[in-house]
């Protein structure tokens, strides 16, 4: 397993990779606040099974970095990066897997370029079709207000300085995030994603938040070092582009994902508080859905919390669709 830099169109992408050069390509896309190394267990398992597994640090993250402009982090930029990476790796097709924010990127890869991304798996975040009635952030705010839940953290992330609280102390910010969304964390200490007036996301999480059982100090330090160097602006810019994404994707309205697909979510994933409603409608939008799996007791960080189960499901999916042929 190696890390290296891969020059692509306008961006040099840091990737973690393993497996035979001629093995079928599987691309693994991380979310917030993670890195390509979040997929280390999957890269190893896929490589052992004969696949070429590649997990990039995404635009705005880690060894890849990227532009400073907020508007350079739209869903189209992120899909473009993955298209460019596949081409730079000398391939024409691959299977794409995404977790958290990486799941919407993976879903859109399959939605926009099914000729290249011939199968897709999403972890934690279901496919969410473009809403026809207007951009998402005003709708989020209206729903939260009607329900009396407070602000969804995604609404707070729209502020130009929303990343500043994370940049003050990256180690504390990361420790709190990993703790509050983990399956081993008791219900009362998990984040619901909704915030009371005057309380930001990090202050809503207990100061004595501990690292999850799966996260060793050495692995945690990889995240701390990366985010201390690059900061959180680029990752939070992904959220700030949500309404811009809606503006840019009218041409995708009502389009369905037709390639073979798979969805995996943790039973206790806090993201289900605000994205879980989309799970029931997946068969309407994924026309070749091969499986929906809810991992009992698991939280948000699925591929690390439950590496063996996720590996087995991914390898089973790849076998079922004949990806190794």
C-alpha atoms as a PDB file:
ATOM      1  CA  UNK A   1       0.000   0.000   0.000  1.00  0.00           C
ATOM      2  CA  UNK A   2       1.498   3.316  -1.060  1.00  0.00           C
ATOM      3  CA  UNK A   3       0.715   7.014  -1.096  1.00  0.00           C
ATOM      4  CA  UNK A   4       1.642   9.064  -4.135  1.00  0.00           C
ATOM      5  CA  UNK A   5       0.678  12.200  -6.010  1.00  0.00           C
ATOM      6  CA  UNK A   6      -1.207  11.875  -9.295  1.00  0.00           C
ATOM      7  CA  UNK A   7      -1.249  14.949 -11.588  1.00  0.00           C
ATOM      8  CA  UNK A   8      -4.721  15.550 -13.054  1.00  0.00           C
ATOM      9  CA  UNK A   9      -6.265  18.471 -14.939  1.00  0.00           C
ATOM     10  CA  UNK A  10      -5.512  21.489 -12.748  1.00  0.00           C
ATOM     11  CA  UNK A  11      -5.073  19.478  -9.555  1.00  0.00           C
ATOM     12  CA  UNK A  12      -2.488  17.090  -8.139  1.00  0.00           C
ATOM     13  CA  UNK A  13      -4.290  14.432  -6.137  1.00  0.00           C
ATOM     14  CA  UNK A  14      -2.732  12.559  -3.233  1.00  0.00           C
ATOM     15  CA  UNK A  15      -3.907   8.949  -3.326  1.00  0.00           C
ATOM     16  CA  UNK A  16      -3.604   5.852  -1.185  1.00  0.00           C
ATOM     17  CA  UNK A  17      -3.520   2.783  -3.411  1.00  0.00           C
ATOM     18  CA  UNK A  18      -2.804  -0.917  -3.549  1.00  0.00           C
ATOM     19  CA  UNK A  19      -3.490  -3.882  -5.775  1.00  0.00           C
ATOM     20  CA  UNK A  20      -2.322  -5.176  -9.140  1.00  0.00           C
ATOM     21  CA  UNK A  21      -1.852  -2.584 -11.872  1.00  0.00           C
ATOM     22  CA  UNK A  22      -4.160  -4.532 -14.163  1.00  0.00           C
ATOM     23  CA  UNK A  23      -6.816  -5.201 -11.506  1.00  0.00           C
ATOM     24  CA  UNK A  24     -10.312  -3.732 -11.928  1.00  0.00           C
ATOM     25  CA  UNK A  25     -10.302  -0.187 -10.552  1.00  0.00           C
ATOM     26  CA  UNK A  26     -12.316   0.719  -7.439  1.00  0.00           C
ATOM     27  CA  UNK A  27     -12.320   4.373  -6.424  1.00  0.00           C
ATOM     28  CA  UNK A  28     -13.018   5.178  -2.748  1.00  0.00           C
ATOM     29  CA  UNK A  29     -14.210   8.714  -1.915  1.00  0.00           C
ATOM     30  CA  UNK A  30     -14.060  10.013   1.656  1.00  0.00           C
ATOM     31  CA  UNK A  31     -16.253  12.594   3.364  1.00  0.00           C
ATOM     32  CA  UNK A  32     -16.040  15.200   6.150  1.00  0.00           C
ATOM     33  CA  UNK A  33     -13.773  15.451   8.069  1.00  0.00           C
ATOM     34  CA  UNK A  34     -11.768  12.533   6.709  1.00  0.00           C
ATOM     35  CA  UNK A  35      -8.992  11.652   4.257  1.00  0.00           C
ATOM     36  CA  UNK A  36      -8.040   8.933   1.812  1.00  0.00           C
ATOM     37  CA  UNK A  37      -6.485   6.980   4.704  1.00  0.00           C
ATOM     38  CA  UNK A  38     -10.009   6.545   6.116  1.00  0.00           C
ATOM     39  CA  UNK A  39     -10.305   3.729   3.565  1.00  0.00           C
ATOM     40  CA  UNK A  40      -7.108   1.893   4.565  1.00  0.00           C
ATOM     41  CA  UNK A  41      -8.940  -1.305   5.545  1.00  0.00           C
ATOM     42  CA  UNK A  42     -10.928  -1.342   2.291  1.00  0.00           C
ATOM     43  CA  UNK A  43      -7.866  -0.628   0.154  1.00  0.00           C
ATOM     44  CA  UNK A  44      -6.123  -3.627   1.726  1.00  0.00           C
ATOM     45  CA  UNK A  45      -9.109  -5.974   1.376  1.00  0.00           C
ATOM     46  CA  UNK A  46      -9.853  -4.981  -2.214  1.00  0.00           C
ATOM     47  CA  UNK A  47      -6.205  -5.286  -3.212  1.00  0.00           C
ATOM     48  CA  UNK A  48      -6.026  -8.766  -1.687  1.00  0.00           C
ATOM     49  CA  UNK A  49      -9.068  -9.715  -3.766  1.00  0.00           C
ATOM     50  CA  UNK A  50      -7.322  -8.620  -6.965  1.00  0.00           C
ATOM     51  CA  UNK A  51      -8.740  -5.116  -7.383  1.00  0.00           C
ATOM     52  CA  UNK A  52      -6.747  -1.939  -7.820  1.00  0.00           C
ATOM     53  CA  UNK A  53      -8.079   0.196  -4.984  1.00  0.00           C
ATOM     54  CA  UNK A  54      -7.446   3.945  -4.996  1.00  0.00           C
ATOM     55  CA  UNK A  55      -8.542   6.382  -2.262  1.00  0.00           C
ATOM     56  CA  UNK A  56      -7.773  10.055  -2.959  1.00  0.00           C
ATOM     57  CA  UNK A  57      -7.589  12.976  -0.587  1.00  0.00           C
ATOM     58  CA  UNK A  58     -10.417  14.987  -2.084  1.00  0.00           C
ATOM     59  CA  UNK A  59     -10.361  18.598  -3.294  1.00  0.00           C
ATOM     60  CA  UNK A  60      -9.708  20.874  -0.329  1.00  0.00           C
ATOM     61  CA  UNK A  61      -8.302  18.077   1.830  1.00  0.00           C
ATOM     62  CA  UNK A  62      -4.937  16.749   2.933  1.00  0.00           C
ATOM     63  CA  UNK A  63      -2.227  16.218   0.361  1.00  0.00           C
ATOM     64  CA  UNK A  64      -4.479  17.283  -2.526  1.00  0.00           C
ATOM     65  CA  UNK A  65      -5.570  20.743  -1.418  1.00  0.00           C
ATOM     66  CA  UNK A  66      -6.927  22.897  -4.200  1.00  0.00           C
ATOM     67  CA  UNK A  67      -8.258  26.342  -5.055  1.00  0.00           C
ATOM     68  CA  UNK A  68      -9.100  28.888  -2.368  1.00  0.00           C
ATOM     69  CA  UNK A  69     -12.305  30.064  -4.030  1.00  0.00           C
ATOM     70  CA  UNK A  70     -15.448  28.748  -2.396  1.00  0.00           C
ATOM     71  CA  UNK A  71     -17.194  28.424  -5.760  1.00  0.00           C
ATOM     72  CA  UNK A  72     -14.498  25.958  -6.912  1.00  0.00           C
ATOM     73  CA  UNK A  73     -15.986  23.220  -4.708  1.00  0.00           C
ATOM     74  CA  UNK A  74     -19.264  22.427  -6.480  1.00  0.00           C
ATOM     75  CA  UNK A  75     -20.482  18.912  -7.138  1.00  0.00           C
ATOM     76  CA  UNK A  76     -19.440  19.306 -10.769  1.00  0.00           C
ATOM     77  CA  UNK A  77     -15.864  20.132  -9.747  1.00  0.00           C
ATOM     78  CA  UNK A  78     -15.815  17.075  -7.495  1.00  0.00           C
ATOM     79  CA  UNK A  79     -17.143  14.741 -10.185  1.00  0.00           C
ATOM     80  CA  UNK A  80     -14.706  16.251 -12.674  1.00  0.00           C
ATOM     81  CA  UNK A  81     -11.844  15.472 -10.281  1.00  0.00           C
ATOM     82  CA  UNK A  82     -12.857  11.820 -10.179  1.00  0.00           C
ATOM     83  CA  UNK A  83     -13.216  11.626 -13.965  1.00  0.00           C
ATOM     84  CA  UNK A  84      -9.758  13.161 -14.326  1.00  0.00           C
ATOM     85  CA  UNK A  85      -8.317  10.746 -11.764  1.00  0.00           C
ATOM     86  CA  UNK A  86      -9.691   7.694 -13.558  1.00  0.00           C
ATOM     87  CA  UNK A  87      -8.166   8.956 -16.819  1.00  0.00           C
ATOM     88  CA  UNK A  88      -4.838   9.770 -15.131  1.00  0.00           C
ATOM     89  CA  UNK A  89      -4.724   6.215 -13.800  1.00  0.00           C
ATOM     90  CA  UNK A  90      -4.953   4.990 -17.378  1.00  0.00           C
ATOM     91  CA  UNK A  91      -8.485   3.616 -17.103  1.00  0.00           C
ATOM     92  CA  UNK A  92     -11.774   4.101 -18.878  1.00  0.00           C
ATOM     93  CA  UNK A  93     -14.121   2.578 -16.276  1.00  0.00           C
ATOM     94  CA  UNK A  94     -14.268   1.896 -12.564  1.00  0.00           C
ATOM     95  CA  UNK A  95     -16.552   1.147  -9.626  1.00  0.00           C
ATOM     96  CA  UNK A  96     -17.012   4.144  -7.327  1.00  0.00           C
ATOM     97  CA  UNK A  97     -17.665   3.987  -3.580  1.00  0.00           C
ATOM     98  CA  UNK A  98     -18.355   7.000  -1.363  1.00  0.00           C
ATOM     99  CA  UNK A  99     -18.915   7.690   2.327  1.00  0.00           C
ATOM    100  CA  UNK A 100     -20.528  10.730   3.963  1.00  0.00           C
ATOM    101  CA  UNK A 101     -19.974  13.699   1.571  1.00  0.00           C
ATOM    102  CA  UNK A 102     -18.181  11.222  -0.669  1.00  0.00           C
ATOM    103  CA  UNK A 103     -21.472   9.387  -1.166  1.00  0.00           C
ATOM    104  CA  UNK A 104     -23.185  12.303  -3.003  1.00  0.00           C
ATOM    105  CA  UNK A 105     -20.032  12.612  -5.117  1.00  0.00           C
ATOM    106  CA  UNK A 106     -20.139   8.893  -5.925  1.00  0.00           C
ATOM    107  CA  UNK A 107     -23.893   9.000  -6.653  1.00  0.00           C
ATOM    108  CA  UNK A 108     -23.359  11.930  -9.031  1.00  0.00           C
ATOM    109  CA  UNK A 109     -20.422  10.212 -10.725  1.00  0.00           C
ATOM    110  CA  UNK A 110     -22.775   7.358 -11.598  1.00  0.00           C
ATOM    111  CA  UNK A 111     -25.613   9.728 -12.443  1.00  0.00           C
ATOM    112  CA  UNK A 112     -23.575  11.917 -14.826  1.00  0.00           C
ATOM    113  CA  UNK A 113     -21.059   9.422 -16.270  1.00  0.00           C
ATOM    114  CA  UNK A 114     -22.519   5.891 -16.135  1.00  0.00           C
ATOM    115  CA  UNK A 115     -20.251   5.011 -19.050  1.00  0.00           C
ATOM    116  CA  UNK A 116     -17.204   5.499 -16.794  1.00  0.00           C
ATOM    117  CA  UNK A 117     -18.584   4.727 -13.326  1.00  0.00           C
ATOM    118  CA  UNK A 118     -20.183   1.396 -14.048  1.00  0.00           C
ATOM    119  CA  UNK A 119     -21.344   0.613 -10.501  1.00  0.00           C
ATOM    120  CA  UNK A 120     -21.727   2.639  -7.311  1.00  0.00           C
ATOM    121  CA  UNK A 121     -21.917   2.075  -3.559  1.00  0.00           C
ATOM    122  CA  UNK A 122     -22.905   4.766  -1.068  1.00  0.00           C
ATOM    123  CA  UNK A 123     -22.214   4.601   2.667  1.00  0.00           C
ATOM    124  CA  UNK A 124     -24.185   6.595   5.259  1.00  0.00           C
ATOM    125  CA  UNK A 125     -25.762   9.166   2.916  1.00  0.00           C
ATOM    126  CA  UNK A 126     -28.478   7.966   0.507  1.00  0.00           C
ATOM    127  CA  UNK A 127     -28.934   9.387  -2.963  1.00  0.00           C
ATOM    128  CA  UNK A 128     -30.954  12.588  -2.737  1.00  0.00           C
ATOM    129  CA  UNK A 129     -32.532  13.678  -6.018  1.00  0.00           C
ATOM    130  CA  UNK A 130     -32.589  17.342  -6.955  1.00  0.00           C
ATOM    131  CA  UNK A 131     -35.640  19.013  -5.425  1.00  0.00           C
ATOM    132  CA  UNK A 132     -37.789  20.725  -8.087  1.00  0.00           C
ATOM    133  CA  UNK A 133     -39.143  23.438  -5.787  1.00  0.00           C
ATOM    134  CA  UNK A 134     -35.993  25.431  -5.089  1.00  0.00           C
ATOM    135  CA  UNK A 135     -32.505  25.270  -3.558  1.00  0.00           C
ATOM    136  CA  UNK A 136     -31.894  23.121  -0.484  1.00  0.00           C
ATOM    137  CA  UNK A 137     -30.651  25.444   2.249  1.00  0.00           C
ATOM    138  CA  UNK A 138     -33.837  27.587   2.526  1.00  0.00           C
ATOM    139  CA  UNK A 139     -35.842  24.362   2.638  1.00  0.00           C
ATOM    140  CA  UNK A 140     -33.617  22.971   5.416  1.00  0.00           C
ATOM    141  CA  UNK A 141     -34.072  26.156   7.445  1.00  0.00           C
ATOM    142  CA  UNK A 142     -37.854  26.138   6.979  1.00  0.00           C
ATOM    143  CA  UNK A 143     -38.203  22.483   7.986  1.00  0.00           C
ATOM    144  CA  UNK A 144     -36.025  22.962  11.072  1.00  0.00           C
ATOM    145  CA  UNK A 145     -38.023  26.025  12.119  1.00  0.00           C
ATOM    146  CA  UNK A 146     -41.390  24.302  11.684  1.00  0.00           C
ATOM    147  CA  UNK A 147     -40.221  21.324  13.708  1.00  0.00           C
ATOM    148  CA  UNK A 148     -38.699  23.481  16.440  1.00  0.00           C
ATOM    149  CA  UNK A 149     -35.418  21.600  16.180  1.00  0.00           C
ATOM    150  CA  UNK A 150     -33.035  24.541  15.982  1.00  0.00           C
ATOM    151  CA  UNK A 151     -30.662  25.109  13.085  1.00  0.00           C
ATOM    152  CA  UNK A 152     -29.263  22.177  11.166  1.00  0.00           C
ATOM    153  CA  UNK A 153     -25.471  22.476  11.281  1.00  0.00           C
ATOM    154  CA  UNK A 154     -25.460  22.551   7.466  1.00  0.00           C
ATOM    155  CA  UNK A 155     -27.337  25.837   7.633  1.00  0.00           C
ATOM    156  CA  UNK A 156     -24.724  27.225  10.022  1.00  0.00           C
ATOM    157  CA  UNK A 157     -21.954  26.065   7.682  1.00  0.00           C
ATOM    158  CA  UNK A 158     -23.198  28.537   5.057  1.00  0.00           C
ATOM    159  CA  UNK A 159     -21.579  31.396   7.004  1.00  0.00           C
ATOM    160  CA  UNK A 160     -18.285  32.580   5.463  1.00  0.00           C
ATOM    161  CA  UNK A 161     -16.457  32.101   8.766  1.00  0.00           C
ATOM    162  CA  UNK A 162     -18.058  28.785   9.775  1.00  0.00           C
ATOM    163  CA  UNK A 163     -14.744  26.949   9.474  1.00  0.00           C
ATOM    164  CA  UNK A 164     -12.963  29.286  11.898  1.00  0.00           C
ATOM    165  CA  UNK A 165     -14.089  27.413  15.024  1.00  0.00           C
ATOM    166  CA  UNK A 166     -12.533  24.223  13.623  1.00  0.00           C
ATOM    167  CA  UNK A 167      -9.281  25.951  12.690  1.00  0.00           C
ATOM    168  CA  UNK A 168      -8.707  27.251  16.239  1.00  0.00           C
ATOM    169  CA  UNK A 169      -7.944  23.757  17.547  1.00  0.00           C
ATOM    170  CA  UNK A 170      -8.084  21.027  14.882  1.00  0.00           C
ATOM    171  CA  UNK A 171      -7.319  18.233  17.346  1.00  0.00           C
ATOM    172  CA  UNK A 172     -10.256  19.115  19.596  1.00  0.00           C
ATOM    173  CA  UNK A 173     -12.573  19.671  16.634  1.00  0.00           C
ATOM    174  CA  UNK A 174     -11.735  16.308  15.108  1.00  0.00           C
ATOM    175  CA  UNK A 175     -11.956  14.458  18.420  1.00  0.00           C
ATOM    176  CA  UNK A 176     -15.403  15.911  19.055  1.00  0.00           C
ATOM    177  CA  UNK A 177     -16.671  15.116  15.547  1.00  0.00           C
ATOM    178  CA  UNK A 178     -15.471  11.520  15.580  1.00  0.00           C
ATOM    179  CA  UNK A 179     -16.946  11.018  19.067  1.00  0.00           C
ATOM    180  CA  UNK A 180     -20.335  12.610  18.404  1.00  0.00           C
ATOM    181  CA  UNK A 181     -21.075  10.567  15.276  1.00  0.00           C
ATOM    182  CA  UNK A 182     -19.716   7.214  16.423  1.00  0.00           C
ATOM    183  CA  UNK A 183     -21.802   4.128  17.084  1.00  0.00           C
ATOM    184  CA  UNK A 184     -20.144   3.451  20.453  1.00  0.00           C
ATOM    185  CA  UNK A 185     -21.174   6.874  21.778  1.00  0.00           C
ATOM    186  CA  UNK A 186     -24.316   6.830  23.985  1.00  0.00           C
ATOM    187  CA  UNK A 187     -27.450   8.418  22.549  1.00  0.00           C
ATOM    188  CA  UNK A 188     -27.325  11.422  24.853  1.00  0.00           C
ATOM    189  CA  UNK A 189     -23.809  12.297  23.702  1.00  0.00           C
ATOM    190  CA  UNK A 190     -24.318  11.791  19.991  1.00  0.00           C
ATOM    191  CA  UNK A 191     -24.951  14.851  17.851  1.00  0.00           C
ATOM    192  CA  UNK A 192     -28.371  15.127  16.231  1.00  0.00           C
ATOM    193  CA  UNK A 193     -27.029  17.731  13.799  1.00  0.00           C
ATOM    194  CA  UNK A 194     -29.500  20.340  15.100  1.00  0.00           C
ATOM    195  CA  UNK A 195     -28.220  23.296  17.120  1.00  0.00           C
ATOM    196  CA  UNK A 196     -29.795  25.590  19.684  1.00  0.00           C
ATOM    197  CA  UNK A 197     -29.563  29.363  19.117  1.00  0.00           C
ATOM    198  CA  UNK A 198     -26.101  30.680  19.906  1.00  0.00           C
ATOM    199  CA  UNK A 199     -24.509  27.215  20.083  1.00  0.00           C
ATOM    200  CA  UNK A 200     -22.225  26.064  17.277  1.00  0.00           C
ATOM    201  CA  UNK A 201     -21.612  22.438  16.355  1.00  0.00           C
ATOM    202  CA  UNK A 202     -18.425  22.002  18.358  1.00  0.00           C
ATOM    203  CA  UNK A 203     -19.841  23.616  21.506  1.00  0.00           C
ATOM    204  CA  UNK A 204     -22.830  21.277  21.275  1.00  0.00           C
ATOM    205  CA  UNK A 205     -20.479  18.313  21.851  1.00  0.00           C
ATOM    206  CA  UNK A 206     -19.105  17.517  25.315  1.00  0.00           C
ATOM    207  CA  UNK A 207     -15.597  18.793  26.031  1.00  0.00           C
ATOM    208  CA  UNK A 208     -14.598  15.389  27.435  1.00  0.00           C
ATOM    209  CA  UNK A 209     -15.453  13.606  24.171  1.00  0.00           C
ATOM    210  CA  UNK A 210     -13.172  10.583  23.788  1.00  0.00           C
ATOM    211  CA  UNK A 211     -11.750   9.010  20.671  1.00  0.00           C
ATOM    212  CA  UNK A 212     -13.893   6.142  19.318  1.00  0.00           C
ATOM    213  CA  UNK A 213     -12.663   2.600  20.007  1.00  0.00           C
ATOM    214  CA  UNK A 214     -11.556   2.063  16.394  1.00  0.00           C
ATOM    215  CA  UNK A 215      -9.457   5.260  16.230  1.00  0.00           C
ATOM    216  CA  UNK A 216      -5.904   4.739  17.485  1.00  0.00           C
ATOM    217  CA  UNK A 217      -3.880   7.759  18.631  1.00  0.00           C
ATOM    218  CA  UNK A 218      -1.515   7.219  15.710  1.00  0.00           C
ATOM    219  CA  UNK A 219      -4.322   7.199  13.140  1.00  0.00           C
ATOM    220  CA  UNK A 220      -5.958  10.203  14.796  1.00  0.00           C
ATOM    221  CA  UNK A 221      -2.685  12.096  14.523  1.00  0.00           C
ATOM    222  CA  UNK A 222      -2.787  11.626  10.736  1.00  0.00           C
ATOM    223  CA  UNK A 223      -5.999  13.655  10.656  1.00  0.00           C
ATOM    224  CA  UNK A 224      -4.705  16.259  13.096  1.00  0.00           C
ATOM    225  CA  UNK A 225      -1.524  16.801  11.090  1.00  0.00           C
ATOM    226  CA  UNK A 226      -3.410  17.114   7.802  1.00  0.00           C
ATOM    227  CA  UNK A 227      -6.080  19.528   9.027  1.00  0.00           C
ATOM    228  CA  UNK A 228      -3.581  21.597  11.002  1.00  0.00           C
ATOM    229  CA  UNK A 229      -1.702  22.129   7.755  1.00  0.00           C
ATOM    230  CA  UNK A 230      -4.620  22.763   5.394  1.00  0.00           C
ATOM    231  CA  UNK A 231      -7.397  24.035   7.666  1.00  0.00           C
ATOM    232  CA  UNK A 232     -11.109  23.416   7.274  1.00  0.00           C
ATOM    233  CA  UNK A 233     -12.124  26.113   4.786  1.00  0.00           C
ATOM    234  CA  UNK A 234     -11.961  23.875   1.692  1.00  0.00           C
ATOM    235  CA  UNK A 235     -13.973  21.040   3.279  1.00  0.00           C
ATOM    236  CA  UNK A 236     -16.635  23.438   4.597  1.00  0.00           C
ATOM    237  CA  UNK A 237     -16.776  25.093   1.156  1.00  0.00           C
ATOM    238  CA  UNK A 238     -18.395  21.866  -0.087  1.00  0.00           C
ATOM    239  CA  UNK A 239     -21.394  22.746   2.124  1.00  0.00           C
ATOM    240  CA  UNK A 240     -21.376  26.370   1.001  1.00  0.00           C
ATOM    241  CA  UNK A 241     -21.867  25.205  -2.590  1.00  0.00           C
ATOM    242  CA  UNK A 242     -25.117  23.316  -1.929  1.00  0.00           C
ATOM    243  CA  UNK A 243     -27.373  25.977  -3.426  1.00  0.00           C
ATOM    244  CA  UNK A 244     -24.945  26.521  -6.288  1.00  0.00           C
ATOM    245  CA  UNK A 245     -25.083  22.773  -6.950  1.00  0.00           C
ATOM    246  CA  UNK A 246     -28.851  23.047  -7.268  1.00  0.00           C
ATOM    247  CA  UNK A 247     -28.452  25.868  -9.795  1.00  0.00           C
ATOM    248  CA  UNK A 248     -25.939  23.897 -11.859  1.00  0.00           C
ATOM    249  CA  UNK A 249     -27.846  20.617 -12.043  1.00  0.00           C
ATOM    250  CA  UNK A 250     -31.244  21.471 -13.514  1.00  0.00           C
ATOM    251  CA  UNK A 251     -30.258  19.273 -16.444  1.00  0.00           C
ATOM    252  CA  UNK A 252     -30.185  16.306 -14.052  1.00  0.00           C
ATOM    253  CA  UNK A 253     -33.734  16.849 -12.779  1.00  0.00           C
ATOM    254  CA  UNK A 254     -35.572  13.502 -12.505  1.00  0.00           C
ATOM    255  CA  UNK A 255     -32.612  11.523 -13.884  1.00  0.00           C
ATOM    256  CA  UNK A 256     -32.146   8.124 -12.244  1.00  0.00           C
ATOM    257  CA  UNK A 257     -29.040   6.095 -11.511  1.00  0.00           C
ATOM    258  CA  UNK A 258     -29.158   3.048 -13.763  1.00  0.00           C
ATOM    259  CA  UNK A 259     -25.876   1.273 -12.960  1.00  0.00           C
ATOM    260  CA  UNK A 260     -25.759  -1.449 -10.267  1.00  0.00           C
ATOM    261  CA  UNK A 261     -25.857   0.171  -6.846  1.00  0.00           C
ATOM    262  CA  UNK A 262     -25.517  -0.609  -3.138  1.00  0.00           C
ATOM    263  CA  UNK A 263     -26.363   1.335   0.031  1.00  0.00           C
ATOM    264  CA  UNK A 264     -24.996   0.729   3.536  1.00  0.00           C
ATOM    265  CA  UNK A 265     -25.843   2.715   6.670  1.00  0.00           C
ATOM    266  CA  UNK A 266     -25.262   2.377  10.405  1.00  0.00           C
ATOM    267  CA  UNK A 267     -28.354   1.803  12.506  1.00  0.00           C
ATOM    268  CA  UNK A 268     -27.246   4.564  14.917  1.00  0.00           C
ATOM    269  CA  UNK A 269     -25.823   6.965  12.367  1.00  0.00           C
ATOM    270  CA  UNK A 270     -26.868  10.502  13.441  1.00  0.00           C
ATOM    271  CA  UNK A 271     -27.035  11.530   9.777  1.00  0.00           C
ATOM    272  CA  UNK A 272     -30.252   9.542   9.614  1.00  0.00           C
ATOM    273  CA  UNK A 273     -31.884  12.319  11.687  1.00  0.00           C
ATOM    274  CA  UNK A 274     -31.752  14.613   8.649  1.00  0.00           C
ATOM    275  CA  UNK A 275     -31.038  12.406   5.608  1.00  0.00           C
ATOM    276  CA  UNK A 276     -32.715   9.166   6.611  1.00  0.00           C
ATOM    277  CA  UNK A 277     -36.037  10.025   4.990  1.00  0.00           C
ATOM    278  CA  UNK A 278     -34.407   9.486   1.596  1.00  0.00           C
ATOM    279  CA  UNK A 279     -33.590   5.848   2.356  1.00  0.00           C
ATOM    280  CA  UNK A 280     -37.139   4.615   1.737  1.00  0.00           C
ATOM    281  CA  UNK A 281     -37.225   6.096  -1.758  1.00  0.00           C
ATOM    282  CA  UNK A 282     -33.954   4.627  -2.962  1.00  0.00           C
ATOM    283  CA  UNK A 283     -35.561   1.960  -5.181  1.00  0.00           C
ATOM    284  CA  UNK A 284     -37.364   4.749  -7.074  1.00  0.00           C
ATOM    285  CA  UNK A 285     -34.086   6.464  -7.972  1.00  0.00           C
ATOM    286  CA  UNK A 286     -31.626   3.563  -8.152  1.00  0.00           C
ATOM    287  CA  UNK A 287     -33.084   1.341 -10.854  1.00  0.00           C
ATOM    288  CA  UNK A 288     -30.571  -1.484 -10.285  1.00  0.00           C
ATOM    289  CA  UNK A 289     -30.323  -1.414  -6.495  1.00  0.00           C
ATOM    290  CA  UNK A 290     -28.688  -4.661  -5.388  1.00  0.00           C
ATOM    291  CA  UNK A 291     -28.953  -4.180  -1.637  1.00  0.00           C
ATOM    292  CA  UNK A 292     -29.763  -1.899   1.305  1.00  0.00           C
ATOM    293  CA  UNK A 293     -27.955  -2.841   4.494  1.00  0.00           C
ATOM    294  CA  UNK A 294     -28.406  -1.392   7.986  1.00  0.00           C
ATOM    295  CA  UNK A 295     -25.531  -2.395  10.272  1.00  0.00           C
ATOM    296  CA  UNK A 296     -26.877  -3.003  13.772  1.00  0.00           C
ATOM    297  CA  UNK A 297     -25.491  -0.624  16.396  1.00  0.00           C
ATOM    298  CA  UNK A 298     -23.115   1.072  13.971  1.00  0.00           C
ATOM    299  CA  UNK A 299     -22.677   4.821  13.766  1.00  0.00           C
ATOM    300  CA  UNK A 300     -21.459   7.096  11.011  1.00  0.00           C
ATOM    301  CA  UNK A 301     -17.828   6.093  10.419  1.00  0.00           C
ATOM    302  CA  UNK A 302     -18.864   2.808   8.864  1.00  0.00           C
ATOM    303  CA  UNK A 303     -15.804   1.769   6.913  1.00  0.00           C
ATOM    304  CA  UNK A 304     -13.666   2.185  10.026  1.00  0.00           C
ATOM    305  CA  UNK A 305     -16.150   1.192  12.757  1.00  0.00           C
ATOM    306  CA  UNK A 306     -17.192  -1.979  10.940  1.00  0.00           C
ATOM    307  CA  UNK A 307     -14.382  -2.587   8.485  1.00  0.00           C
ATOM    308  CA  UNK A 308     -14.878  -6.349   8.174  1.00  0.00           C
ATOM    309  CA  UNK A 309     -18.633  -6.066   7.557  1.00  0.00           C
ATOM    310  CA  UNK A 310     -18.233  -3.265   5.037  1.00  0.00           C
ATOM    311  CA  UNK A 311     -15.454  -5.147   3.255  1.00  0.00           C
ATOM    312  CA  UNK A 312     -17.616  -8.267   3.022  1.00  0.00           C
ATOM    313  CA  UNK A 313     -20.573  -6.301   1.626  1.00  0.00           C
ATOM    314  CA  UNK A 314     -18.430  -4.474  -0.920  1.00  0.00           C
ATOM    315  CA  UNK A 315     -16.711  -7.650  -2.081  1.00  0.00           C
ATOM    316  CA  UNK A 316     -20.045  -9.446  -2.293  1.00  0.00           C
ATOM    317  CA  UNK A 317     -21.458  -6.608  -4.390  1.00  0.00           C
ATOM    318  CA  UNK A 318     -18.434  -6.589  -6.685  1.00  0.00           C
ATOM    319  CA  UNK A 319     -18.712 -10.348  -7.111  1.00  0.00           C
ATOM    320  CA  UNK A 320     -22.445 -10.190  -7.834  1.00  0.00           C
ATOM    321  CA  UNK A 321     -22.015  -7.610 -10.592  1.00  0.00           C
ATOM    322  CA  UNK A 322     -19.031  -9.393 -12.090  1.00  0.00           C
ATOM    323  CA  UNK A 323     -16.662  -6.488 -11.485  1.00  0.00           C
ATOM    324  CA  UNK A 324     -13.652  -8.799 -11.271  1.00  0.00           C
ATOM    325  CA  UNK A 325     -14.248 -10.168 -14.771  1.00  0.00           C
END
